[in-house]
Amino acid sequence: MSARQDQDADFIAEALPAFLSEAEEQVEALEALLLRLEDQPDDADLLNALFRCAHTVKGSAGIFGLDAVVAFTHHVETLLQRLREGQLRLTPDLSTLLLRCNDQVRTLVAEAGGQPT
């Protein structure tokens, strides 16, 4: 292994716990925002906050090469973007789907950290 690879591995080993902690906070925020959105489905600020949370998880996961988290969260972002643009309306079924998606993001993040799900 080269010195550069050693440095990269050291960085990942040191920074991954911070990512995992931040990602869990983002997932918790997503859940709370999704529950609020059920009562305020047209609230642009809530939709923007939801999108930012998902985008943060996706971007941070990408830094660590967590491709499963990135790919899945990208699909969540797409749904949220379509809600933001008015291409979709929040229905009870879509709300349930988004909450289940959030649970899956939580599972993927836990698996990335080596935690049992």
PDB file of N, CA and C in Angstrom:
ATOM      1  N   MET A   1       0.849  -1.174   0.000  1.00  0.00           N
ATOM      2  CA  MET A   1       0.000   0.000   0.000  1.00  0.00           C
ATOM      3  C   MET A   1       0.899   1.243   0.000  1.00  0.00           C
ATOM      4  N   SER A   2       0.549   2.225  -0.810  1.00  0.00           N
ATOM      5  CA  SER A   2       1.342   3.445  -0.878  1.00  0.00           C
ATOM      6  C   SER A   2       1.053   4.331   0.331  1.00  0.00           C
ATOM      7  N   ALA A   3       1.912   5.327   0.512  1.00  0.00           N
ATOM      8  CA  ALA A   3       1.717   6.267   1.616  1.00  0.00           C
ATOM      9  C   ALA A   3       0.393   7.009   1.453  1.00  0.00           C
ATOM     10  N   ARG A   4       0.056   7.346   0.207  1.00  0.00           N
ATOM     11  CA  ARG A   4      -1.204   8.055  -0.065  1.00  0.00           C
ATOM     12  C   ARG A   4      -2.405   7.178   0.311  1.00  0.00           C
ATOM     13  N   GLN A   5      -2.348   5.906  -0.045  1.00  0.00           N
ATOM     14  CA  GLN A   5      -3.433   4.991   0.292  1.00  0.00           C
ATOM     15  C   GLN A   5      -3.553   4.826   1.806  1.00  0.00           C
ATOM     16  N   ASP A   6      -2.403   4.789   2.480  1.00  0.00           N
ATOM     17  CA  ASP A   6      -2.422   4.715   3.945  1.00  0.00           C
ATOM     18  C   ASP A   6      -3.104   5.947   4.540  1.00  0.00           C
ATOM     19  N   GLN A   7      -2.766   7.126   3.983  1.00  0.00           N
ATOM     20  CA  GLN A   7      -3.378   8.363   4.474  1.00  0.00           C
ATOM     21  C   GLN A   7      -4.884   8.356   4.230  1.00  0.00           C
ATOM     22  N   ASP A   8      -5.292   7.900   3.038  1.00  0.00           N
ATOM     23  CA  ASP A   8      -6.719   7.838   2.728  1.00  0.00           C
ATOM     24  C   ASP A   8      -7.440   6.888   3.679  1.00  0.00           C
ATOM     25  N   ALA A   9      -6.849   5.731   3.920  1.00  0.00           N
ATOM     26  CA  ALA A   9      -7.454   4.747   4.821  1.00  0.00           C
ATOM     27  C   ALA A   9      -7.544   5.307   6.238  1.00  0.00           C
ATOM     28  N   ASP A  10      -6.498   6.012   6.663  1.00  0.00           N
ATOM     29  CA  ASP A  10      -6.515   6.626   7.993  1.00  0.00           C
ATOM     30  C   ASP A  10      -7.617   7.680   8.091  1.00  0.00           C
ATOM     31  N   PHE A  11      -7.729   8.506   7.038  1.00  0.00           N
ATOM     32  CA  PHE A  11      -8.768   9.540   7.023  1.00  0.00           C
ATOM     33  C   PHE A  11     -10.150   8.910   7.138  1.00  0.00           C
ATOM     34  N   ILE A  12     -10.393   7.879   6.345  1.00  0.00           N
ATOM     35  CA  ILE A  12     -11.700   7.225   6.361  1.00  0.00           C
ATOM     36  C   ILE A  12     -11.975   6.622   7.733  1.00  0.00           C
ATOM     37  N   ALA A  13     -10.988   5.962   8.304  1.00  0.00           N
ATOM     38  CA  ALA A  13     -11.169   5.343   9.621  1.00  0.00           C
ATOM     39  C   ALA A  13     -11.491   6.392  10.685  1.00  0.00           C
ATOM     40  N   GLU A  14     -10.866   7.560  10.573  1.00  0.00           N
ATOM     41  CA  GLU A  14     -11.099   8.620  11.553  1.00  0.00           C
ATOM     42  C   GLU A  14     -12.411   9.359  11.309  1.00  0.00           C
ATOM     43  N   ALA A  15     -12.759   9.573  10.040  1.00  0.00           N
ATOM     44  CA  ALA A  15     -13.917  10.407   9.707  1.00  0.00           C
ATOM     45  C   ALA A  15     -15.228   9.635   9.621  1.00  0.00           C
ATOM     46  N   LEU A  16     -15.172   8.334   9.378  1.00  0.00           N
ATOM     47  CA  LEU A  16     -16.403   7.562   9.215  1.00  0.00           C
ATOM     48  C   LEU A  16     -17.337   7.661  10.423  1.00  0.00           C
ATOM     49  N   PRO A  17     -16.837   7.573  11.656  1.00  0.00           N
ATOM     50  CA  PRO A  17     -17.761   7.714  12.793  1.00  0.00           C
ATOM     51  C   PRO A  17     -18.501   9.060  12.799  1.00  0.00           C
ATOM     52  N   ALA A  18     -17.824  10.124  12.382  1.00  0.00           N
ATOM     53  CA  ALA A  18     -18.489  11.430  12.315  1.00  0.00           C
ATOM     54  C   ALA A  18     -19.582  11.415  11.253  1.00  0.00           C
ATOM     55  N   PHE A  19     -19.288  10.796  10.102  1.00  0.00           N
ATOM     56  CA  PHE A  19     -20.313  10.675   9.064  1.00  0.00           C
ATOM     57  C   PHE A  19     -21.511   9.900   9.588  1.00  0.00           C
ATOM     58  N   LEU A  20     -21.250   8.769  10.226  1.00  0.00           N
ATOM     59  CA  LEU A  20     -22.339   7.926  10.722  1.00  0.00           C
ATOM     60  C   LEU A  20     -23.219   8.684  11.711  1.00  0.00           C
ATOM     61  N   SER A  21     -22.591   9.448  12.586  1.00  0.00           N
ATOM     62  CA  SER A  21     -23.339  10.243  13.558  1.00  0.00           C
ATOM     63  C   SER A  21     -24.171  11.314  12.854  1.00  0.00           C
ATOM     64  N   GLU A  22     -23.555  12.019  11.916  1.00  0.00           N
ATOM     65  CA  GLU A  22     -24.270  13.068  11.181  1.00  0.00           C
ATOM     66  C   GLU A  22     -25.398  12.469  10.347  1.00  0.00           C
ATOM     67  N   ALA A  23     -25.131  11.342   9.708  1.00  0.00           N
ATOM     68  CA  ALA A  23     -26.158  10.708   8.880  1.00  0.00           C
ATOM     69  C   ALA A  23     -27.353  10.297   9.731  1.00  0.00           C
ATOM     70  N   GLU A  24     -27.094   9.775  10.911  1.00  0.00           N
ATOM     71  CA  GLU A  24     -28.202   9.387  11.795  1.00  0.00           C
ATOM     72  C   GLU A  24     -29.012  10.617  12.201  1.00  0.00           C
ATOM     73  N   GLU A  25     -28.331  11.732  12.458  1.00  0.00           N
ATOM     74  CA  GLU A  25     -29.045  12.970  12.776  1.00  0.00           C
ATOM     75  C   GLU A  25     -29.906  13.415  11.599  1.00  0.00           C
ATOM     76  N   GLN A  26     -29.365  13.305  10.390  1.00  0.00           N
ATOM     77  CA  GLN A  26     -30.113  13.689   9.196  1.00  0.00           C
ATOM     78  C   GLN A  26     -31.327  12.782   8.995  1.00  0.00           C
ATOM     79  N   VAL A  27     -31.154  11.486   9.237  1.00  0.00           N
ATOM     80  CA  VAL A  27     -32.259  10.537   9.100  1.00  0.00           C
ATOM     81  C   VAL A  27     -33.355  10.855  10.122  1.00  0.00           C
ATOM     82  N   GLU A  28     -32.959  11.187  11.335  1.00  0.00           N
ATOM     83  CA  GLU A  28     -33.943  11.573  12.355  1.00  0.00           C
ATOM     84  C   GLU A  28     -34.671  12.846  11.939  1.00  0.00           C
ATOM     85  N   ALA A  29     -33.921  13.809  11.403  1.00  0.00           N
ATOM     86  CA  ALA A  29     -34.536  15.054  10.936  1.00  0.00           C
ATOM     87  C   ALA A  29     -35.491  14.784   9.778  1.00  0.00           C
ATOM     88  N   LEU A  30     -35.083  13.916   8.863  1.00  0.00           N
ATOM     89  CA  LEU A  30     -35.958  13.549   7.746  1.00  0.00           C
ATOM     90  C   LEU A  30     -37.279  12.984   8.252  1.00  0.00           C
ATOM     91  N   GLU A  31     -37.199  12.092   9.216  1.00  0.00           N
ATOM     92  CA  GLU A  31     -38.420  11.486   9.747  1.00  0.00           C
ATOM     93  C   GLU A  31     -39.335  12.539  10.367  1.00  0.00           C
ATOM     94  N   ALA A  32     -38.769  13.411  11.168  1.00  0.00           N
ATOM     95  CA  ALA A  32     -39.576  14.456  11.806  1.00  0.00           C
ATOM     96  C   ALA A  32     -40.200  15.378  10.760  1.00  0.00           C
ATOM     97  N   LEU A  33     -39.422  15.738   9.753  1.00  0.00           N
ATOM     98  CA  LEU A  33     -39.941  16.611   8.700  1.00  0.00           C
ATOM     99  C   LEU A  33     -41.025  15.917   7.881  1.00  0.00           C
ATOM    100  N   LEU A  34     -40.831  14.629   7.594  1.00  0.00           N
ATOM    101  CA  LEU A  34     -41.850  13.883   6.848  1.00  0.00           C
ATOM    102  C   LEU A  34     -43.163  13.824   7.621  1.00  0.00           C
ATOM    103  N   LEU A  35     -43.070  13.644   8.920  1.00  0.00           N
ATOM    104  CA  LEU A  35     -44.287  13.613   9.737  1.00  0.00           C
ATOM    105  C   LEU A  35     -44.980  14.973   9.748  1.00  0.00           C
ATOM    106  N   ARG A  36     -44.195  16.036   9.780  1.00  0.00           N
ATOM    107  CA  ARG A  36     -44.773  17.389   9.705  1.00  0.00           C
ATOM    108  C   ARG A  36     -45.400  17.635   8.339  1.00  0.00           C
ATOM    109  N   LEU A  37     -44.767  17.096   7.299  1.00  0.00           N
ATOM    110  CA  LEU A  37     -45.254  17.310   5.940  1.00  0.00           C
ATOM    111  C   LEU A  37     -46.647  16.709   5.743  1.00  0.00           C
ATOM    112  N   GLU A  38     -46.951  15.651   6.476  1.00  0.00           N
ATOM    113  CA  GLU A  38     -48.290  15.053   6.364  1.00  0.00           C
ATOM    114  C   GLU A  38     -49.379  16.072   6.693  1.00  0.00           C
ATOM    115  N   ASP A  39     -49.092  16.978   7.625  1.00  0.00           N
ATOM    116  CA  ASP A  39     -50.059  18.010   8.011  1.00  0.00           C
ATOM    117  C   ASP A  39     -49.939  19.271   7.169  1.00  0.00           C
ATOM    118  N   GLN A  40     -48.786  19.444   6.522  1.00  0.00           N
ATOM    119  CA  GLN A  40     -48.535  20.652   5.727  1.00  0.00           C
ATOM    120  C   GLN A  40     -47.928  20.254   4.374  1.00  0.00           C
ATOM    121  N   PRO A  41     -48.680  19.536   3.537  1.00  0.00           N
ATOM    122  CA  PRO A  41     -48.101  18.964   2.319  1.00  0.00           C
ATOM    123  C   PRO A  41     -47.638  19.980   1.278  1.00  0.00           C
ATOM    124  N   ASP A  42     -48.082  21.215   1.389  1.00  0.00           N
ATOM    125  CA  ASP A  42     -47.686  22.229   0.411  1.00  0.00           C
ATOM    126  C   ASP A  42     -46.642  23.198   0.949  1.00  0.00           C
ATOM    127  N   ASP A  43     -46.066  22.889   2.092  1.00  0.00           N
ATOM    128  CA  ASP A  43     -45.094  23.781   2.726  1.00  0.00           C
ATOM    129  C   ASP A  43     -43.746  23.686   2.008  1.00  0.00           C
ATOM    130  N   ALA A  44     -43.438  24.710   1.236  1.00  0.00           N
ATOM    131  CA  ALA A  44     -42.201  24.717   0.442  1.00  0.00           C
ATOM    132  C   ALA A  44     -40.963  24.655   1.330  1.00  0.00           C
ATOM    133  N   ASP A  45     -41.003  25.299   2.482  1.00  0.00           N
ATOM    134  CA  ASP A  45     -39.844  25.268   3.377  1.00  0.00           C
ATOM    135  C   ASP A  45     -39.576  23.851   3.879  1.00  0.00           C
ATOM    136  N   LEU A  46     -40.637  23.123   4.203  1.00  0.00           N
ATOM    137  CA  LEU A  46     -40.473  21.733   4.640  1.00  0.00           C
ATOM    138  C   LEU A  46     -39.906  20.877   3.514  1.00  0.00           C
ATOM    139  N   LEU A  47     -40.440  21.049   2.322  1.00  0.00           N
ATOM    140  CA  LEU A  47     -39.946  20.276   1.178  1.00  0.00           C
ATOM    141  C   LEU A  47     -38.476  20.578   0.908  1.00  0.00           C
ATOM    142  N   ASN A  48     -38.106  21.842   1.004  1.00  0.00           N
ATOM    143  CA  ASN A  48     -36.701  22.214   0.795  1.00  0.00           C
ATOM    144  C   ASN A  48     -35.811  21.621   1.877  1.00  0.00           C
ATOM    145  N   ALA A  49     -36.275  21.652   3.116  1.00  0.00           N
ATOM    146  CA  ALA A  49     -35.491  21.084   4.219  1.00  0.00           C
ATOM    147  C   ALA A  49     -35.332  19.574   4.049  1.00  0.00           C
ATOM    148  N   LEU A  50     -36.396  18.898   3.622  1.00  0.00           N
ATOM    149  CA  LEU A  50     -36.319  17.459   3.359  1.00  0.00           C
ATOM    150  C   LEU A  50     -35.289  17.160   2.278  1.00  0.00           C
ATOM    151  N   PHE A  51     -35.346  17.917   1.208  1.00  0.00           N
ATOM    152  CA  PHE A  51     -34.409  17.701   0.109  1.00  0.00           C
ATOM    153  C   PHE A  51     -32.975  17.915   0.583  1.00  0.00           C
ATOM    154  N   ARG A  52     -32.746  18.973   1.355  1.00  0.00           N
ATOM    155  CA  ARG A  52     -31.387  19.253   1.852  1.00  0.00           C
ATOM    156  C   ARG A  52     -30.869  18.119   2.729  1.00  0.00           C
ATOM    157  N   CYS A  53     -31.725  17.578   3.594  1.00  0.00           N
ATOM    158  CA  CYS A  53     -31.302  16.452   4.443  1.00  0.00           C
ATOM    159  C   CYS A  53     -30.887  15.259   3.592  1.00  0.00           C
ATOM    160  N   ALA A  54     -31.727  14.902   2.631  1.00  0.00           N
ATOM    161  CA  ALA A  54     -31.409  13.763   1.764  1.00  0.00           C
ATOM    162  C   ALA A  54     -30.135  14.036   0.973  1.00  0.00           C
ATOM    163  N   HIS A  55     -29.999  15.257   0.481  1.00  0.00           N
ATOM    164  CA  HIS A  55     -28.817  15.623  -0.305  1.00  0.00           C
ATOM    165  C   HIS A  55     -27.548  15.556   0.547  1.00  0.00           C
ATOM    166  N   THR A  56     -27.641  15.974   1.780  1.00  0.00           N
ATOM    167  CA  THR A  56     -26.491  15.920   2.690  1.00  0.00           C
ATOM    168  C   THR A  56     -26.054  14.483   2.934  1.00  0.00           C
ATOM    169  N   VAL A  57     -27.016  13.606   3.191  1.00  0.00           N
ATOM    170  CA  VAL A  57     -26.681  12.189   3.407  1.00  0.00           C
ATOM    171  C   VAL A  57     -26.026  11.622   2.155  1.00  0.00           C
ATOM    172  N   LYS A  58     -26.620  11.893   1.001  1.00  0.00           N
ATOM    173  CA  LYS A  58     -26.090  11.362  -0.258  1.00  0.00           C
ATOM    174  C   LYS A  58     -24.669  11.867  -0.509  1.00  0.00           C
ATOM    175  N   GLY A  59     -24.465  13.151  -0.367  1.00  0.00           N
ATOM    176  CA  GLY A  59     -23.149  13.726  -0.633  1.00  0.00           C
ATOM    177  C   GLY A  59     -22.085  13.219   0.317  1.00  0.00           C
ATOM    178  N   SER A  60     -22.415  13.152   1.584  1.00  0.00           N
ATOM    179  CA  SER A  60     -21.447  12.662   2.567  1.00  0.00           C
ATOM    180  C   SER A  60     -21.135  11.190   2.344  1.00  0.00           C
ATOM    181  N   ALA A  61     -22.153  10.406   2.008  1.00  0.00           N
ATOM    182  CA  ALA A  61     -21.932   8.980   1.737  1.00  0.00           C
ATOM    183  C   ALA A  61     -21.018   8.801   0.531  1.00  0.00           C
ATOM    184  N   GLY A  62     -21.150   9.680  -0.437  1.00  0.00           N
ATOM    185  CA  GLY A  62     -20.305   9.606  -1.625  1.00  0.00           C
ATOM    186  C   GLY A  62     -18.837   9.800  -1.308  1.00  0.00           C
ATOM    187  N   ILE A  63     -18.538  10.642  -0.349  1.00  0.00           N
ATOM    188  CA  ILE A  63     -17.144  10.871   0.054  1.00  0.00           C
ATOM    189  C   ILE A  63     -16.509   9.577   0.537  1.00  0.00           C
ATOM    190  N   PHE A  64     -17.314   8.731   1.171  1.00  0.00           N
ATOM    191  CA  PHE A  64     -16.805   7.483   1.739  1.00  0.00           C
ATOM    192  C   PHE A  64     -17.007   6.288   0.814  1.00  0.00           C
ATOM    193  N   GLY A  65     -17.495   6.547  -0.388  1.00  0.00           N
ATOM    194  CA  GLY A  65     -17.692   5.461  -1.340  1.00  0.00           C
ATOM    195  C   GLY A  65     -18.809   4.509  -0.957  1.00  0.00           C
ATOM    196  N   LEU A  66     -19.783   5.001  -0.224  1.00  0.00           N
ATOM    197  CA  LEU A  66     -20.913   4.167   0.203  1.00  0.00           C
ATOM    198  C   LEU A  66     -21.980   4.199  -0.894  1.00  0.00           C
ATOM    199  N   ASP A  67     -21.697   3.447  -1.946  1.00  0.00           N
ATOM    200  CA  ASP A  67     -22.499   3.515  -3.163  1.00  0.00           C
ATOM    201  C   ASP A  67     -23.962   3.147  -2.952  1.00  0.00           C
ATOM    202  N   ALA A  68     -24.243   2.192  -2.088  1.00  0.00           N
ATOM    203  CA  ALA A  68     -25.637   1.798  -1.851  1.00  0.00           C
ATOM    204  C   ALA A  68     -26.421   2.949  -1.224  1.00  0.00           C
ATOM    205  N   VAL A  69     -25.800   3.653  -0.289  1.00  0.00           N
ATOM    206  CA  VAL A  69     -26.456   4.805   0.340  1.00  0.00           C
ATOM    207  C   VAL A  69     -26.674   5.897  -0.700  1.00  0.00           C
ATOM    208  N   VAL A  70     -25.647   6.157  -1.504  1.00  0.00           N
ATOM    209  CA  VAL A  70     -25.734   7.201  -2.531  1.00  0.00           C
ATOM    210  C   VAL A  70     -26.853   6.886  -3.522  1.00  0.00           C
ATOM    211  N   ALA A  71     -26.862   5.668  -4.047  1.00  0.00           N
ATOM    212  CA  ALA A  71     -27.838   5.302  -5.077  1.00  0.00           C
ATOM    213  C   ALA A  71     -29.266   5.367  -4.544  1.00  0.00           C
ATOM    214  N   PHE A  72     -29.480   4.813  -3.360  1.00  0.00           N
ATOM    215  CA  PHE A  72     -30.836   4.799  -2.814  1.00  0.00           C
ATOM    216  C   PHE A  72     -31.292   6.213  -2.473  1.00  0.00           C
ATOM    217  N   THR A  73     -30.424   6.978  -1.845  1.00  0.00           N
ATOM    218  CA  THR A  73     -30.793   8.332  -1.442  1.00  0.00           C
ATOM    219  C   THR A  73     -31.039   9.212  -2.663  1.00  0.00           C
ATOM    220  N   HIS A  74     -30.362   8.919  -3.760  1.00  0.00           N
ATOM    221  CA  HIS A  74     -30.612   9.659  -5.004  1.00  0.00           C
ATOM    222  C   HIS A  74     -32.073   9.483  -5.437  1.00  0.00           C
ATOM    223  N   HIS A  75     -32.596   8.273  -5.300  1.00  0.00           N
ATOM    224  CA  HIS A  75     -34.001   8.038  -5.659  1.00  0.00           C
ATOM    225  C   HIS A  75     -34.943   8.805  -4.726  1.00  0.00           C
ATOM    226  N   VAL A  76     -34.591   8.862  -3.457  1.00  0.00           N
ATOM    227  CA  VAL A  76     -35.398   9.636  -2.503  1.00  0.00           C
ATOM    228  C   VAL A  76     -35.371  11.113  -2.893  1.00  0.00           C
ATOM    229  N   GLU A  77     -34.187  11.607  -3.231  1.00  0.00           N
ATOM    230  CA  GLU A  77     -34.052  12.996  -3.684  1.00  0.00           C
ATOM    231  C   GLU A  77     -34.947  13.273  -4.890  1.00  0.00           C
ATOM    232  N   THR A  78     -34.984  12.334  -5.814  1.00  0.00           N
ATOM    233  CA  THR A  78     -35.797  12.508  -7.018  1.00  0.00           C
ATOM    234  C   THR A  78     -37.274  12.655  -6.657  1.00  0.00           C
ATOM    235  N   LEU A  79     -37.759  11.817  -5.760  1.00  0.00           N
ATOM    236  CA  LEU A  79     -39.150  11.945  -5.307  1.00  0.00           C
ATOM    237  C   LEU A  79     -39.392  13.301  -4.644  1.00  0.00           C
ATOM    238  N   LEU A  80     -38.468  13.694  -3.784  1.00  0.00           N
ATOM    239  CA  LEU A  80     -38.618  14.975  -3.088  1.00  0.00           C
ATOM    240  C   LEU A  80     -38.566  16.143  -4.066  1.00  0.00           C
ATOM    241  N   GLN A  81     -37.702  16.052  -5.068  1.00  0.00           N
ATOM    242  CA  GLN A  81     -37.619  17.107  -6.079  1.00  0.00           C
ATOM    243  C   GLN A  81     -38.932  17.204  -6.856  1.00  0.00           C
ATOM    244  N   ARG A  82     -39.514  16.074  -7.189  1.00  0.00           N
ATOM    245  CA  ARG A  82     -40.791  16.081  -7.910  1.00  0.00           C
ATOM    246  C   ARG A  82     -41.905  16.680  -7.046  1.00  0.00           C
ATOM    247  N   LEU A  83     -41.852  16.447  -5.747  1.00  0.00           N
ATOM    248  CA  LEU A  83     -42.803  17.101  -4.842  1.00  0.00           C
ATOM    249  C   LEU A  83     -42.568  18.606  -4.826  1.00  0.00           C
ATOM    250  N   ARG A  84     -41.304  19.003  -4.744  1.00  0.00           N
ATOM    251  CA  ARG A  84     -40.975  20.432  -4.713  1.00  0.00           C
ATOM    252  C   ARG A  84     -41.452  21.142  -5.969  1.00  0.00           C
ATOM    253  N   GLU A  85     -41.340  20.468  -7.099  1.00  0.00           N
ATOM    254  CA  GLU A  85     -41.703  21.079  -8.379  1.00  0.00           C
ATOM    255  C   GLU A  85     -43.191  20.959  -8.695  1.00  0.00           C
ATOM    256  N   GLY A  86     -43.948  20.304  -7.815  1.00  0.00           N
ATOM    257  CA  GLY A  86     -45.370  20.152  -8.043  1.00  0.00           C
ATOM    258  C   GLY A  86     -45.731  19.057  -9.035  1.00  0.00           C
ATOM    259  N   GLN A  87     -44.759  18.235  -9.416  1.00  0.00           N
ATOM    260  CA  GLN A  87     -45.029  17.125 -10.336  1.00  0.00           C
ATOM    261  C   GLN A  87     -45.736  15.982  -9.625  1.00  0.00           C
ATOM    262  N   LEU A  88     -45.573  15.907  -8.323  1.00  0.00           N
ATOM    263  CA  LEU A  88     -46.251  14.925  -7.476  1.00  0.00           C
ATOM    264  C   LEU A  88     -46.960  15.670  -6.359  1.00  0.00           C
ATOM    265  N   ARG A  89     -48.031  15.063  -5.878  1.00  0.00           N
ATOM    266  CA  ARG A  89     -48.714  15.577  -4.697  1.00  0.00           C
ATOM    267  C   ARG A  89     -48.554  14.545  -3.598  1.00  0.00           C
ATOM    268  N   LEU A  90     -48.422  15.017  -2.384  1.00  0.00           N
ATOM    269  CA  LEU A  90     -48.271  14.101  -1.258  1.00  0.00           C
ATOM    270  C   LEU A  90     -49.608  13.424  -0.970  1.00  0.00           C
ATOM    271  N   THR A  91     -49.612  12.128  -1.067  1.00  0.00           N
ATOM    272  CA  THR A  91     -50.775  11.310  -0.732  1.00  0.00           C
ATOM    273  C   THR A  91     -50.402  10.465   0.479  1.00  0.00           C
ATOM    274  N   PRO A  92     -51.368   9.858   1.131  1.00  0.00           N
ATOM    275  CA  PRO A  92     -51.012   8.963   2.242  1.00  0.00           C
ATOM    276  C   PRO A  92     -50.058   7.845   1.809  1.00  0.00           C
ATOM    277  N   ASP A  93     -50.271   7.295   0.616  1.00  0.00           N
ATOM    278  CA  ASP A  93     -49.380   6.230   0.133  1.00  0.00           C
ATOM    279  C   ASP A  93     -47.965   6.748  -0.104  1.00  0.00           C
ATOM    280  N   LEU A  94     -47.845   7.938  -0.688  1.00  0.00           N
ATOM    281  CA  LEU A  94     -46.514   8.494  -0.930  1.00  0.00           C
ATOM    282  C   LEU A  94     -45.835   8.840   0.387  1.00  0.00           C
ATOM    283  N   SER A  95     -46.590   9.340   1.336  1.00  0.00           N
ATOM    284  CA  SER A  95     -46.033   9.638   2.653  1.00  0.00           C
ATOM    285  C   SER A  95     -45.491   8.370   3.305  1.00  0.00           C
ATOM    286  N   THR A  96     -46.264   7.292   3.226  1.00  0.00           N
ATOM    287  CA  THR A  96     -45.816   6.007   3.772  1.00  0.00           C
ATOM    288  C   THR A  96     -44.562   5.525   3.053  1.00  0.00           C
ATOM    289  N   LEU A  97     -44.544   5.660   1.734  1.00  0.00           N
ATOM    290  CA  LEU A  97     -43.368   5.258   0.958  1.00  0.00           C
ATOM    291  C   LEU A  97     -42.137   6.048   1.386  1.00  0.00           C
ATOM    292  N   LEU A  98     -42.274   7.356   1.544  1.00  0.00           N
ATOM    293  CA  LEU A  98     -41.133   8.178   1.946  1.00  0.00           C
ATOM    294  C   LEU A  98     -40.639   7.804   3.344  1.00  0.00           C
ATOM    295  N   LEU A  99     -41.545   7.500   4.246  1.00  0.00           N
ATOM    296  CA  LEU A  99     -41.126   7.065   5.583  1.00  0.00           C
ATOM    297  C   LEU A  99     -40.400   5.724   5.513  1.00  0.00           C
ATOM    298  N   ARG A 100     -40.874   4.825   4.665  1.00  0.00           N
ATOM    299  CA  ARG A 100     -40.185   3.541   4.491  1.00  0.00           C
ATOM    300  C   ARG A 100     -38.820   3.745   3.841  1.00  0.00           C
ATOM    301  N   CYS A 101     -38.753   4.658   2.894  1.00  0.00           N
ATOM    302  CA  CYS A 101     -37.457   4.979   2.283  1.00  0.00           C
ATOM    303  C   CYS A 101     -36.486   5.491   3.339  1.00  0.00           C
ATOM    304  N   ASN A 102     -36.979   6.333   4.227  1.00  0.00           N
ATOM    305  CA  ASN A 102     -36.130   6.852   5.287  1.00  0.00           C
ATOM    306  C   ASN A 102     -35.628   5.724   6.186  1.00  0.00           C
ATOM    307  N   ASP A 103     -36.507   4.762   6.473  1.00  0.00           N
ATOM    308  CA  ASP A 103     -36.083   3.594   7.254  1.00  0.00           C
ATOM    309  C   ASP A 103     -34.983   2.825   6.525  1.00  0.00           C
ATOM    310  N   GLN A 104     -35.109   2.727   5.204  1.00  0.00           N
ATOM    311  CA  GLN A 104     -34.086   2.023   4.425  1.00  0.00           C
ATOM    312  C   GLN A 104     -32.764   2.785   4.439  1.00  0.00           C
ATOM    313  N   VAL A 105     -32.818   4.103   4.348  1.00  0.00           N
ATOM    314  CA  VAL A 105     -31.587   4.899   4.448  1.00  0.00           C
ATOM    315  C   VAL A 105     -30.938   4.645   5.803  1.00  0.00           C
ATOM    316  N   ARG A 106     -31.746   4.628   6.854  1.00  0.00           N
ATOM    317  CA  ARG A 106     -31.227   4.349   8.203  1.00  0.00           C
ATOM    318  C   ARG A 106     -30.529   2.986   8.228  1.00  0.00           C
ATOM    319  N   THR A 107     -31.150   1.984   7.623  1.00  0.00           N
ATOM    320  CA  THR A 107     -30.573   0.637   7.579  1.00  0.00           C
ATOM    321  C   THR A 107     -29.261   0.629   6.807  1.00  0.00           C
ATOM    322  N   LEU A 108     -29.234   1.283   5.661  1.00  0.00           N
ATOM    323  CA  LEU A 108     -28.015   1.318   4.845  1.00  0.00           C
ATOM    324  C   LEU A 108     -26.872   2.018   5.579  1.00  0.00           C
ATOM    325  N   VAL A 109     -27.189   3.093   6.279  1.00  0.00           N
ATOM    326  CA  VAL A 109     -26.162   3.808   7.049  1.00  0.00           C
ATOM    327  C   VAL A 109     -25.647   2.920   8.176  1.00  0.00           C
ATOM    328  N   ALA A 110     -26.552   2.241   8.868  1.00  0.00           N
ATOM    329  CA  ALA A 110     -26.134   1.342   9.955  1.00  0.00           C
ATOM    330  C   ALA A 110     -25.246   0.229   9.414  1.00  0.00           C
ATOM    331  N   GLU A 111     -25.613  -0.336   8.272  1.00  0.00           N
ATOM    332  CA  GLU A 111     -24.795  -1.386   7.666  1.00  0.00           C
ATOM    333  C   GLU A 111     -23.421  -0.853   7.275  1.00  0.00           C
ATOM    334  N   ALA A 112     -23.366   0.380   6.806  1.00  0.00           N
ATOM    335  CA  ALA A 112     -22.079   0.982   6.436  1.00  0.00           C
ATOM    336  C   ALA A 112     -21.171   1.109   7.652  1.00  0.00           C
ATOM    337  N   GLY A 113     -21.785   1.287   8.813  1.00  0.00           N
ATOM    338  CA  GLY A 113     -21.019   1.394  10.049  1.00  0.00           C
ATOM    339  C   GLY A 113     -20.770   0.064  10.716  1.00  0.00           C
ATOM    340  N   GLY A 114     -21.205  -1.017  10.067  1.00  0.00           N
ATOM    341  CA  GLY A 114     -20.993  -2.342  10.628  1.00  0.00           C
ATOM    342  C   GLY A 114     -21.927  -2.679  11.765  1.00  0.00           C
ATOM    343  N   GLN A 115     -23.026  -1.922  11.883  1.00  0.00           N
ATOM    344  CA  GLN A 115     -23.990  -2.174  12.951  1.00  0.00           C
ATOM    345  C   GLN A 115     -25.041  -3.159  12.457  1.00  0.00           C
ATOM    346  N   PRO A 116     -25.488  -4.067  13.303  1.00  0.00           N
ATOM    347  CA  PRO A 116     -26.567  -4.971  12.885  1.00  0.00           C
ATOM    348  C   PRO A 116     -27.863  -4.195  12.708  1.00  0.00           C
ATOM    349  N   THR A 117     -28.675  -4.647  11.762  1.00  0.00           N
ATOM    350  CA  THR A 117     -29.948  -3.953  11.510  1.00  0.00           C
ATOM    351  C   THR A 117     -31.113  -4.818  11.915  1.00  0.00           C
TER     352      THR A 117
END
